Amino acid sequence: MPDDLFRLAEAAARRLRVSRSKLYANAIAEYLTRQQDNAITERLNEVYARRPAKLDPGLHRAQVKSLKKDAW
């Protein structure tokens, strides 16, 4: 681990009043959760990219009618 990153981690652990091991465990857990979330998002994007989204014309008209008229 680079010295500057180690020093930052030491300072953060002291500030948060947790052990360095706890800080590292929390950081790794958060990193792995983000990776899993990203993998899920990527998979959903693949699934939804297979077919173009089409909205029923009648539903589209109903949605447009339900919007308030805003003056831009």
C-alpha atoms as a PDB file:
ATOM      1  CA  MET A   1       0.000   0.000   0.000  1.00  0.00           C
ATOM      2  CA  PRO A   2       1.416   3.423  -0.869  1.00  0.00           C
ATOM      3  CA  ASP A   3       2.622   5.378   2.158  1.00  0.00           C
ATOM      4  CA  ASP A   4       0.343   8.347   1.505  1.00  0.00           C
ATOM      5  CA  LEU A   5      -2.738   6.112   1.342  1.00  0.00           C
ATOM      6  CA  PHE A   6      -1.656   4.340   4.525  1.00  0.00           C
ATOM      7  CA  ARG A   7      -1.310   7.687   6.325  1.00  0.00           C
ATOM      8  CA  LEU A   8      -4.741   8.789   5.135  1.00  0.00           C
ATOM      9  CA  ALA A   9      -6.236   5.516   6.361  1.00  0.00           C
ATOM     10  CA  GLU A  10      -4.517   5.907   9.735  1.00  0.00           C
ATOM     11  CA  ALA A  11      -5.885   9.425  10.111  1.00  0.00           C
ATOM     12  CA  ALA A  12      -9.385   8.342   9.084  1.00  0.00           C
ATOM     13  CA  ALA A  13      -9.352   5.448  11.564  1.00  0.00           C
ATOM     14  CA  ARG A  14      -8.341   7.786  14.383  1.00  0.00           C
ATOM     15  CA  ARG A  15     -10.953  10.376  13.395  1.00  0.00           C
ATOM     16  CA  LEU A  16     -13.681   7.715  13.179  1.00  0.00           C
ATOM     17  CA  ARG A  17     -12.424   6.034  16.355  1.00  0.00           C
ATOM     18  CA  VAL A  18     -12.226   2.592  14.769  1.00  0.00           C
ATOM     19  CA  SER A  19      -9.320   0.222  14.384  1.00  0.00           C
ATOM     20  CA  ARG A  20      -7.415   0.229  11.129  1.00  0.00           C
ATOM     21  CA  SER A  21      -8.637  -3.344  10.526  1.00  0.00           C
ATOM     22  CA  LYS A  22     -12.254  -2.234  10.992  1.00  0.00           C
ATOM     23  CA  LEU A  23     -11.717   0.678   8.611  1.00  0.00           C
ATOM     24  CA  TYR A  24     -10.257  -1.655   5.990  1.00  0.00           C
ATOM     25  CA  ALA A  25     -13.063  -4.205   6.486  1.00  0.00           C
ATOM     26  CA  ASN A  26     -15.702  -1.484   6.085  1.00  0.00           C
ATOM     27  CA  ALA A  27     -13.992  -0.111   2.979  1.00  0.00           C
ATOM     28  CA  ILE A  28     -13.731  -3.546   1.373  1.00  0.00           C
ATOM     29  CA  ALA A  29     -17.367  -4.352   2.199  1.00  0.00           C
ATOM     30  CA  GLU A  30     -18.525  -1.080   0.641  1.00  0.00           C
ATOM     31  CA  TYR A  31     -16.351  -1.644  -2.436  1.00  0.00           C
ATOM     32  CA  LEU A  32     -17.731  -5.155  -2.942  1.00  0.00           C
ATOM     33  CA  THR A  33     -21.312  -3.935  -2.529  1.00  0.00           C
ATOM     34  CA  ARG A  34     -20.735  -1.271  -5.180  1.00  0.00           C
ATOM     35  CA  GLN A  35     -19.218  -3.835  -7.520  1.00  0.00           C
ATOM     36  CA  GLN A  36     -22.245  -6.088  -7.059  1.00  0.00           C
ATOM     37  CA  ASP A  37     -24.621  -3.176  -7.641  1.00  0.00           C
ATOM     38  CA  ASN A  38     -22.713  -2.235 -10.798  1.00  0.00           C
ATOM     39  CA  ALA A  39     -22.887  -5.823 -12.048  1.00  0.00           C
ATOM     40  CA  ILE A  40     -26.655  -5.875 -11.507  1.00  0.00           C
ATOM     41  CA  THR A  41     -27.052  -2.567 -13.353  1.00  0.00           C
ATOM     42  CA  GLU A  42     -24.919  -3.814 -16.240  1.00  0.00           C
ATOM     43  CA  ARG A  43     -26.977  -7.003 -16.476  1.00  0.00           C
ATOM     44  CA  LEU A  44     -30.252  -5.052 -16.461  1.00  0.00           C
ATOM     45  CA  ASN A  45     -28.896  -2.748 -19.162  1.00  0.00           C
ATOM     46  CA  GLU A  46     -28.048  -5.791 -21.285  1.00  0.00           C
ATOM     47  CA  VAL A  47     -31.536  -7.216 -20.831  1.00  0.00           C
ATOM     48  CA  TYR A  48     -33.306  -3.940 -21.619  1.00  0.00           C
ATOM     49  CA  ALA A  49     -31.045  -3.232 -24.608  1.00  0.00           C
ATOM     50  CA  ARG A  50     -32.265  -6.343 -26.392  1.00  0.00           C
ATOM     51  CA  ARG A  51     -35.587  -4.809 -27.327  1.00  0.00           C
ATOM     52  CA  PRO A  52     -36.374  -1.172 -27.961  1.00  0.00           C
ATOM     53  CA  ALA A  53     -38.826   0.352 -25.541  1.00  0.00           C
ATOM     54  CA  LYS A  54     -42.161   1.015 -27.189  1.00  0.00           C
ATOM     55  CA  LEU A  55     -44.997   2.843 -25.549  1.00  0.00           C
ATOM     56  CA  ASP A  56     -48.572   2.254 -26.572  1.00  0.00           C
ATOM     57  CA  PRO A  57     -49.763   5.390 -28.426  1.00  0.00           C
ATOM     58  CA  GLY A  58     -52.937   5.615 -26.315  1.00  0.00           C
ATOM     59  CA  LEU A  59     -50.933   5.411 -23.115  1.00  0.00           C
ATOM     60  CA  HIS A  60     -48.558   8.071 -24.405  1.00  0.00           C
ATOM     61  CA  ARG A  61     -51.462  10.433 -25.128  1.00  0.00           C
ATOM     62  CA  ALA A  62     -52.883   9.824 -21.635  1.00  0.00           C
ATOM     63  CA  GLN A  63     -49.504  10.568 -20.067  1.00  0.00           C
ATOM     64  CA  VAL A  64     -49.106  13.780 -22.048  1.00  0.00           C
ATOM     65  CA  LYS A  65     -52.629  14.901 -21.093  1.00  0.00           C
ATOM     66  CA  SER A  66     -51.900  14.271 -17.407  1.00  0.00           C
ATOM     67  CA  LEU A  67     -48.920  16.649 -17.402  1.00  0.00           C
ATOM     68  CA  LYS A  68     -49.475  20.191 -16.240  1.00  0.00           C
ATOM     69  CA  LYS A  69     -48.803  22.938 -18.698  1.00  0.00           C
ATOM     70  CA  ASP A  70     -45.649  24.757 -17.574  1.00  0.00           C
ATOM     71  CA  ALA A  71     -44.463  28.003 -19.069  1.00  0.00           C
ATOM     72  CA  TRP A  72     -40.763  27.685 -19.822  1.00  0.00           C
END
